[in-house]
Amino acid sequence: MDRDDIIKIAEGLRLIEEGVENIQNVMREKKYKSLKDIAEQLIPIFQKDDDSLSESVLKHLG
């Protein structure tokens, strides 16, 4: 493993940490107790959406 590999891993870990913090903030704000609570809210939204939300999320993630 070289220096560039370590930097890439550190950056990935930072992004994971930020993502977890974002999820925890929403969970606290909405008083969700588990990821199952979040999934129960998200699944119907994605199912009834006209795919624009799904496409937006996928573009954001990509």
C-alpha atoms as a PDB file:
ATOM      1  CA  MET A   1       0.000   0.000   0.000  1.00  0.00           C
ATOM      2  CA  ASP A   2       1.438   3.340  -0.963  1.00  0.00           C
ATOM      3  CA  ARG A   3       0.782   6.914   0.147  1.00  0.00           C
ATOM      4  CA  ASP A   4      -1.933   7.487  -2.492  1.00  0.00           C
ATOM      5  CA  ASP A   5      -3.797   4.370  -1.355  1.00  0.00           C
ATOM      6  CA  ILE A   6      -3.752   5.582   2.243  1.00  0.00           C
ATOM      7  CA  ILE A   7      -5.007   9.026   1.205  1.00  0.00           C
ATOM      8  CA  LYS A   8      -7.858   7.449  -0.815  1.00  0.00           C
ATOM      9  CA  ILE A   9      -8.837   5.243   2.130  1.00  0.00           C
ATOM     10  CA  ALA A  10      -8.729   8.195   4.541  1.00  0.00           C
ATOM     11  CA  GLU A  11     -10.927  10.246   2.196  1.00  0.00           C
ATOM     12  CA  GLY A  12     -13.397   7.373   1.899  1.00  0.00           C
ATOM     13  CA  LEU A  13     -13.560   7.035   5.670  1.00  0.00           C
ATOM     14  CA  ARG A  14     -14.188  10.780   5.980  1.00  0.00           C
ATOM     15  CA  LEU A  15     -17.076  10.543   3.506  1.00  0.00           C
ATOM     16  CA  ILE A  16     -18.550   7.597   5.404  1.00  0.00           C
ATOM     17  CA  GLU A  17     -18.302   9.535   8.663  1.00  0.00           C
ATOM     18  CA  GLU A  18     -20.052  12.556   7.116  1.00  0.00           C
ATOM     19  CA  GLY A  19     -22.781  10.310   5.738  1.00  0.00           C
ATOM     20  CA  VAL A  20     -23.357   8.677   9.113  1.00  0.00           C
ATOM     21  CA  GLU A  21     -23.533  12.098  10.770  1.00  0.00           C
ATOM     22  CA  ASN A  22     -26.110  13.252   8.201  1.00  0.00           C
ATOM     23  CA  ILE A  23     -28.224  10.158   8.792  1.00  0.00           C
ATOM     24  CA  GLN A  24     -27.994  10.532  12.575  1.00  0.00           C
ATOM     25  CA  ASN A  25     -28.995  14.199  12.368  1.00  0.00           C
ATOM     26  CA  VAL A  26     -32.117  13.384  10.367  1.00  0.00           C
ATOM     27  CA  MET A  27     -32.950  10.500  12.703  1.00  0.00           C
ATOM     28  CA  ARG A  28     -32.669  12.785  15.742  1.00  0.00           C
ATOM     29  CA  GLU A  29     -34.681  15.550  14.097  1.00  0.00           C
ATOM     30  CA  LYS A  30     -37.464  13.196  13.003  1.00  0.00           C
ATOM     31  CA  LYS A  31     -37.194  11.063  16.160  1.00  0.00           C
ATOM     32  CA  TYR A  32     -36.542   7.867  14.213  1.00  0.00           C
ATOM     33  CA  LYS A  33     -35.200   5.060  16.357  1.00  0.00           C
ATOM     34  CA  SER A  34     -33.840   2.755  13.660  1.00  0.00           C
ATOM     35  CA  LEU A  35     -32.982   2.483   9.988  1.00  0.00           C
ATOM     36  CA  LYS A  36     -36.169   0.447   9.634  1.00  0.00           C
ATOM     37  CA  ASP A  37     -38.112   3.600  10.579  1.00  0.00           C
ATOM     38  CA  ILE A  38     -36.351   5.479   7.788  1.00  0.00           C
ATOM     39  CA  ALA A  39     -36.982   2.692   5.272  1.00  0.00           C
ATOM     40  CA  GLU A  40     -40.682   2.671   6.169  1.00  0.00           C
ATOM     41  CA  GLN A  41     -40.811   6.356   5.228  1.00  0.00           C
ATOM     42  CA  LEU A  42     -38.646   6.139   2.111  1.00  0.00           C
ATOM     43  CA  ILE A  43     -40.096   3.086   0.385  1.00  0.00           C
ATOM     44  CA  PRO A  44     -43.601   4.549  -0.207  1.00  0.00           C
ATOM     45  CA  ILE A  45     -42.092   7.823  -1.438  1.00  0.00           C
ATOM     46  CA  PHE A  46     -39.943   6.023  -3.997  1.00  0.00           C
ATOM     47  CA  GLN A  47     -42.827   3.748  -5.021  1.00  0.00           C
ATOM     48  CA  LYS A  48     -45.320   6.542  -5.704  1.00  0.00           C
ATOM     49  CA  ASP A  49     -42.814   8.975  -7.197  1.00  0.00           C
ATOM     50  CA  ASP A  50     -42.727   9.459 -10.939  1.00  0.00           C
ATOM     51  CA  ASP A  51     -39.092   8.331 -10.960  1.00  0.00           C
ATOM     52  CA  SER A  52     -37.774  11.902 -10.846  1.00  0.00           C
ATOM     53  CA  LEU A  53     -36.888  11.546  -7.163  1.00  0.00           C
ATOM     54  CA  SER A  54     -35.210   8.203  -7.815  1.00  0.00           C
ATOM     55  CA  GLU A  55     -33.245   9.713 -10.685  1.00  0.00           C
ATOM     56  CA  SER A  56     -32.279  12.722  -8.532  1.00  0.00           C
ATOM     57  CA  VAL A  57     -30.974  10.495  -5.764  1.00  0.00           C
ATOM     58  CA  LEU A  58     -29.064   8.306  -8.188  1.00  0.00           C
ATOM     59  CA  LYS A  59     -27.488  11.358  -9.860  1.00  0.00           C
ATOM     60  CA  HIS A  60     -26.538  12.756  -6.455  1.00  0.00           C
ATOM     61  CA  LEU A  61     -24.937   9.475  -5.448  1.00  0.00           C
ATOM     62  CA  GLY A  62     -23.159   9.042  -8.775  1.00  0.00           C
END
